[in-house]
Amino acid sequence: MRPGAWRRWRRWRKGRPFWGGLAAVIAGAEICAIPLAPLKIMLQQGIAGIPSVLMGLVMILMGLSAWFTPHYRGLAGILTVLCAMASLVMSNLGGFLIGTVIGILGGAMIFAWRPVPAPEPAAAAGSADAPPGEPDTATAAPAVTEQ
């Protein structure tokens, strides 16, 4: 890897709900994978495999949207949890409970994530000698008097 690539990756990862999105993608893939068994087993399952694949795809899409559009994290988190809970009933116990549990945890992590606020530039420019709440006289603008 190039020297700055690891730093850029960490900055990108910390700027979004990465772990919640990863859990949602993994849960969606697990829920999708079970009905995509060999054709002989799929024919026995019948039309019941379609909701499993659709819910899994929606969970994967919500995980990816949490990564690439983190300002939609509320919607993505709620839809991930709802799909995970619905898959419990509609698709093989939600991927044999593994997909449901991982999906609920991932959706909760997506929903609960908050961006870290940027530091205020005025606080960084002030000197350490000035008490908090009072402006720094060295960096404060001079008073303008009328003549």
C-alpha atoms as a PDB file:
ATOM      1  CA  MET A   1       0.000   0.000   0.000  1.00  0.00           C
ATOM      2  CA  ARG A   2       1.085   3.546  -0.584  1.00  0.00           C
ATOM      3  CA  PRO A   3       2.002   5.573   2.508  1.00  0.00           C
ATOM      4  CA  GLY A   4      -1.087   7.800   2.547  1.00  0.00           C
ATOM      5  CA  ALA A   5      -3.571   5.133   1.467  1.00  0.00           C
ATOM      6  CA  TRP A   6      -4.012   3.662   4.937  1.00  0.00           C
ATOM      7  CA  ARG A   7      -4.616   7.130   6.412  1.00  0.00           C
ATOM      8  CA  ARG A   8      -7.202   7.959   3.720  1.00  0.00           C
ATOM      9  CA  TRP A   9      -8.935   4.602   4.308  1.00  0.00           C
ATOM     10  CA  ARG A  10      -9.162   5.243   8.056  1.00  0.00           C
ATOM     11  CA  ARG A  11     -10.505   8.783   7.504  1.00  0.00           C
ATOM     12  CA  TRP A  12     -13.119   7.463   5.054  1.00  0.00           C
ATOM     13  CA  ARG A  13     -14.114   4.631   7.401  1.00  0.00           C
ATOM     14  CA  LYS A  14     -14.473   6.914  10.430  1.00  0.00           C
ATOM     15  CA  GLY A  15     -16.591   9.404   8.498  1.00  0.00           C
ATOM     16  CA  ARG A  16     -19.518   7.029   8.106  1.00  0.00           C
ATOM     17  CA  PRO A  17     -21.301   4.133   9.885  1.00  0.00           C
ATOM     18  CA  PHE A  18     -18.854   1.580   8.488  1.00  0.00           C
ATOM     19  CA  TRP A  19     -19.330  -1.303  10.939  1.00  0.00           C
ATOM     20  CA  GLY A  20     -23.116  -1.068  10.887  1.00  0.00           C
ATOM     21  CA  GLY A  21     -23.085  -1.035   7.082  1.00  0.00           C
ATOM     22  CA  LEU A  22     -20.757  -4.025   7.026  1.00  0.00           C
ATOM     23  CA  ALA A  23     -23.058  -5.946   9.369  1.00  0.00           C
ATOM     24  CA  ALA A  24     -26.068  -5.080   7.184  1.00  0.00           C
ATOM     25  CA  VAL A  25     -24.257  -6.253   4.032  1.00  0.00           C
ATOM     26  CA  ILE A  26     -23.177  -9.508   5.687  1.00  0.00           C
ATOM     27  CA  ALA A  27     -26.678 -10.166   7.054  1.00  0.00           C
ATOM     28  CA  GLY A  28     -28.271  -9.436   3.679  1.00  0.00           C
ATOM     29  CA  ALA A  29     -25.818 -11.716   1.900  1.00  0.00           C
ATOM     30  CA  GLU A  30     -26.482 -14.491   4.404  1.00  0.00           C
ATOM     31  CA  ILE A  31     -30.261 -14.160   4.031  1.00  0.00           C
ATOM     32  CA  CYS A  32     -29.900 -14.132   0.215  1.00  0.00           C
ATOM     33  CA  ALA A  33     -27.527 -17.096   0.097  1.00  0.00           C
ATOM     34  CA  ILE A  34     -29.773 -19.642   1.788  1.00  0.00           C
ATOM     35  CA  PRO A  35     -32.570 -19.651  -0.823  1.00  0.00           C
ATOM     36  CA  LEU A  36     -30.002 -19.643  -3.648  1.00  0.00           C
ATOM     37  CA  ALA A  37     -29.231 -23.275  -2.988  1.00  0.00           C
ATOM     38  CA  PRO A  38     -28.926 -25.850  -5.766  1.00  0.00           C
ATOM     39  CA  LEU A  39     -31.873 -26.065  -8.139  1.00  0.00           C
ATOM     40  CA  LYS A  40     -33.270 -29.284  -6.666  1.00  0.00           C
ATOM     41  CA  ILE A  41     -33.611 -27.694  -3.225  1.00  0.00           C
ATOM     42  CA  MET A  42     -34.838 -24.407  -4.711  1.00  0.00           C
ATOM     43  CA  LEU A  43     -37.680 -26.175  -6.540  1.00  0.00           C
ATOM     44  CA  GLN A  44     -38.817 -27.710  -3.260  1.00  0.00           C
ATOM     45  CA  GLN A  45     -38.874 -24.292  -1.648  1.00  0.00           C
ATOM     46  CA  GLY A  46     -41.009 -22.775  -4.393  1.00  0.00           C
ATOM     47  CA  ILE A  47     -42.046 -19.157  -4.356  1.00  0.00           C
ATOM     48  CA  ALA A  48     -41.024 -18.718  -0.718  1.00  0.00           C
ATOM     49  CA  GLY A  49     -37.459 -17.988  -1.832  1.00  0.00           C
ATOM     50  CA  ILE A  50     -38.379 -14.736  -3.598  1.00  0.00           C
ATOM     51  CA  PRO A  51     -39.027 -12.672  -0.430  1.00  0.00           C
ATOM     52  CA  SER A  52     -35.775 -13.960   1.024  1.00  0.00           C
ATOM     53  CA  VAL A  53     -33.763 -12.747  -1.916  1.00  0.00           C
ATOM     54  CA  LEU A  54     -35.590  -9.410  -2.037  1.00  0.00           C
ATOM     55  CA  MET A  55     -35.155  -8.700   1.669  1.00  0.00           C
ATOM     56  CA  GLY A  56     -31.529  -9.683   1.507  1.00  0.00           C
ATOM     57  CA  LEU A  57     -30.959  -7.357  -1.446  1.00  0.00           C
ATOM     58  CA  VAL A  58     -32.674  -4.483   0.364  1.00  0.00           C
ATOM     59  CA  MET A  59     -30.450  -5.076   3.401  1.00  0.00           C
ATOM     60  CA  ILE A  60     -27.339  -5.093   1.209  1.00  0.00           C
ATOM     61  CA  LEU A  61     -28.519  -1.885  -0.478  1.00  0.00           C
ATOM     62  CA  MET A  62     -29.135  -0.215   2.896  1.00  0.00           C
ATOM     63  CA  GLY A  63     -25.680  -1.214   4.115  1.00  0.00           C
ATOM     64  CA  LEU A  64     -24.106   0.267   0.994  1.00  0.00           C
ATOM     65  CA  SER A  65     -26.177   3.436   1.277  1.00  0.00           C
ATOM     66  CA  ALA A  66     -24.967   3.835   4.863  1.00  0.00           C
ATOM     67  CA  TRP A  67     -21.409   3.762   3.503  1.00  0.00           C
ATOM     68  CA  PHE A  68     -21.798   6.034   0.509  1.00  0.00           C
ATOM     69  CA  THR A  69     -24.587   8.378   1.674  1.00  0.00           C
ATOM     70  CA  PRO A  70     -24.267   8.566   5.459  1.00  0.00           C
ATOM     71  CA  HIS A  71     -26.784  11.417   5.718  1.00  0.00           C
ATOM     72  CA  TYR A  72     -29.516   8.804   5.015  1.00  0.00           C
ATOM     73  CA  ARG A  73     -28.404   6.703   7.984  1.00  0.00           C
ATOM     74  CA  GLY A  74     -31.742   7.033   9.820  1.00  0.00           C
ATOM     75  CA  LEU A  75     -33.746   5.596   6.939  1.00  0.00           C
ATOM     76  CA  ALA A  76     -31.115   2.950   6.195  1.00  0.00           C
ATOM     77  CA  GLY A  77     -30.984   1.824   9.835  1.00  0.00           C
ATOM     78  CA  ILE A  78     -34.746   1.571  10.219  1.00  0.00           C
ATOM     79  CA  LEU A  79     -35.242  -0.294   6.932  1.00  0.00           C
ATOM     80  CA  THR A  80     -32.431  -2.690   7.788  1.00  0.00           C
ATOM     81  CA  VAL A  81     -34.016  -3.545  11.137  1.00  0.00           C
ATOM     82  CA  LEU A  82     -37.472  -3.928   9.570  1.00  0.00           C
ATOM     83  CA  CYS A  83     -36.173  -6.220   6.815  1.00  0.00           C
ATOM     84  CA  ALA A  84     -34.230  -8.271   9.338  1.00  0.00           C
ATOM     85  CA  MET A  85     -37.324  -8.714  11.500  1.00  0.00           C
ATOM     86  CA  ALA A  86     -39.526  -9.514   8.492  1.00  0.00           C
ATOM     87  CA  SER A  87     -37.019 -12.082   7.267  1.00  0.00           C
ATOM     88  CA  LEU A  88     -37.472 -13.941  10.531  1.00  0.00           C
ATOM     89  CA  VAL A  89     -41.005 -14.820   9.415  1.00  0.00           C
ATOM     90  CA  MET A  90     -40.653 -14.820   5.632  1.00  0.00           C
ATOM     91  CA  SER A  91     -37.338 -16.507   4.915  1.00  0.00           C
ATOM     92  CA  ASN A  92     -36.087 -19.592   6.713  1.00  0.00           C
ATOM     93  CA  LEU A  93     -36.127 -18.011  10.176  1.00  0.00           C
ATOM     94  CA  GLY A  94     -34.147 -15.072   8.873  1.00  0.00           C
ATOM     95  CA  GLY A  95     -31.216 -17.080   7.649  1.00  0.00           C
ATOM     96  CA  PHE A  96     -31.465 -19.502  10.560  1.00  0.00           C
ATOM     97  CA  LEU A  97     -31.538 -16.568  13.040  1.00  0.00           C
ATOM     98  CA  ILE A  98     -27.982 -15.554  12.145  1.00  0.00           C
ATOM     99  CA  GLY A  99     -29.033 -13.075   9.458  1.00  0.00           C
ATOM    100  CA  THR A 100     -31.774 -11.633  11.639  1.00  0.00           C
ATOM    101  CA  VAL A 101     -29.533 -11.013  14.636  1.00  0.00           C
ATOM    102  CA  ILE A 102     -26.694  -9.538  12.566  1.00  0.00           C
ATOM    103  CA  GLY A 103     -29.188  -7.432  10.589  1.00  0.00           C
ATOM    104  CA  ILE A 104     -30.838  -6.010  13.713  1.00  0.00           C
ATOM    105  CA  LEU A 105     -27.449  -5.181  15.239  1.00  0.00           C
ATOM    106  CA  GLY A 106     -26.208  -3.636  11.987  1.00  0.00           C
ATOM    107  CA  GLY A 107     -29.362  -1.555  11.536  1.00  0.00           C
ATOM    108  CA  ALA A 108     -29.125  -0.348  15.128  1.00  0.00           C
ATOM    109  CA  MET A 109     -25.472   0.625  14.635  1.00  0.00           C
ATOM    110  CA  ILE A 110     -26.359   2.489  11.433  1.00  0.00           C
ATOM    111  CA  PHE A 111     -29.215   4.335  13.120  1.00  0.00           C
ATOM    112  CA  ALA A 112     -27.214   5.226  16.239  1.00  0.00           C
ATOM    113  CA  TRP A 113     -24.113   6.509  14.428  1.00  0.00           C
ATOM    114  CA  ARG A 114     -23.481  10.254  14.622  1.00  0.00           C
ATOM    115  CA  PRO A 115     -20.829  12.167  12.688  1.00  0.00           C
ATOM    116  CA  VAL A 116     -18.031  13.697  14.735  1.00  0.00           C
ATOM    117  CA  PRO A 117     -18.380  17.490  14.660  1.00  0.00           C
ATOM    118  CA  ALA A 118     -15.455  19.363  13.146  1.00  0.00           C
ATOM    119  CA  PRO A 119     -13.370  21.398  15.596  1.00  0.00           C
ATOM    120  CA  GLU A 120     -14.148  25.102  15.637  1.00  0.00           C
ATOM    121  CA  PRO A 121     -11.489  27.103  13.817  1.00  0.00           C
ATOM    122  CA  ALA A 122     -11.738  29.968  16.328  1.00  0.00           C
ATOM    123  CA  ALA A 123     -10.846  27.656  19.217  1.00  0.00           C
ATOM    124  CA  ALA A 124      -7.740  26.442  17.408  1.00  0.00           C
ATOM    125  CA  ALA A 125      -6.598  29.985  16.537  1.00  0.00           C
ATOM    126  CA  GLY A 126      -6.878  31.343  20.108  1.00  0.00           C
ATOM    127  CA  SER A 127      -3.948  31.286  22.459  1.00  0.00           C
ATOM    128  CA  ALA A 128      -3.721  29.066  25.506  1.00  0.00           C
ATOM    129  CA  ASP A 129      -3.255  32.091  27.811  1.00  0.00           C
ATOM    130  CA  ALA A 130      -6.749  33.492  27.358  1.00  0.00           C
ATOM    131  CA  PRO A 131      -9.353  32.148  29.784  1.00  0.00           C
ATOM    132  CA  PRO A 132     -12.263  30.300  28.181  1.00  0.00           C
ATOM    133  CA  GLY A 133     -15.135  32.561  27.278  1.00  0.00           C
ATOM    134  CA  GLU A 134     -12.949  35.683  26.862  1.00  0.00           C
ATOM    135  CA  PRO A 135     -11.523  36.684  23.503  1.00  0.00           C
ATOM    136  CA  ASP A 136      -7.784  36.590  23.020  1.00  0.00           C
ATOM    137  CA  THR A 137      -6.433  40.141  22.845  1.00  0.00           C
ATOM    138  CA  ALA A 138      -3.521  39.133  20.630  1.00  0.00           C
ATOM    139  CA  THR A 139      -5.768  37.798  17.868  1.00  0.00           C
ATOM    140  CA  ALA A 140      -8.845  39.978  18.435  1.00  0.00           C
ATOM    141  CA  ALA A 141      -9.603  42.686  15.889  1.00  0.00           C
ATOM    142  CA  PRO A 142      -8.700  46.203  17.003  1.00  0.00           C
ATOM    143  CA  ALA A 143     -11.571  48.443  18.042  1.00  0.00           C
ATOM    144  CA  VAL A 144     -12.655  50.987  15.462  1.00  0.00           C
ATOM    145  CA  THR A 145     -13.205  54.512  16.729  1.00  0.00           C
ATOM    146  CA  GLU A 146     -14.962  57.295  14.876  1.00  0.00           C
ATOM    147  CA  GLN A 147     -13.029  60.492  14.144  1.00  0.00           C
END
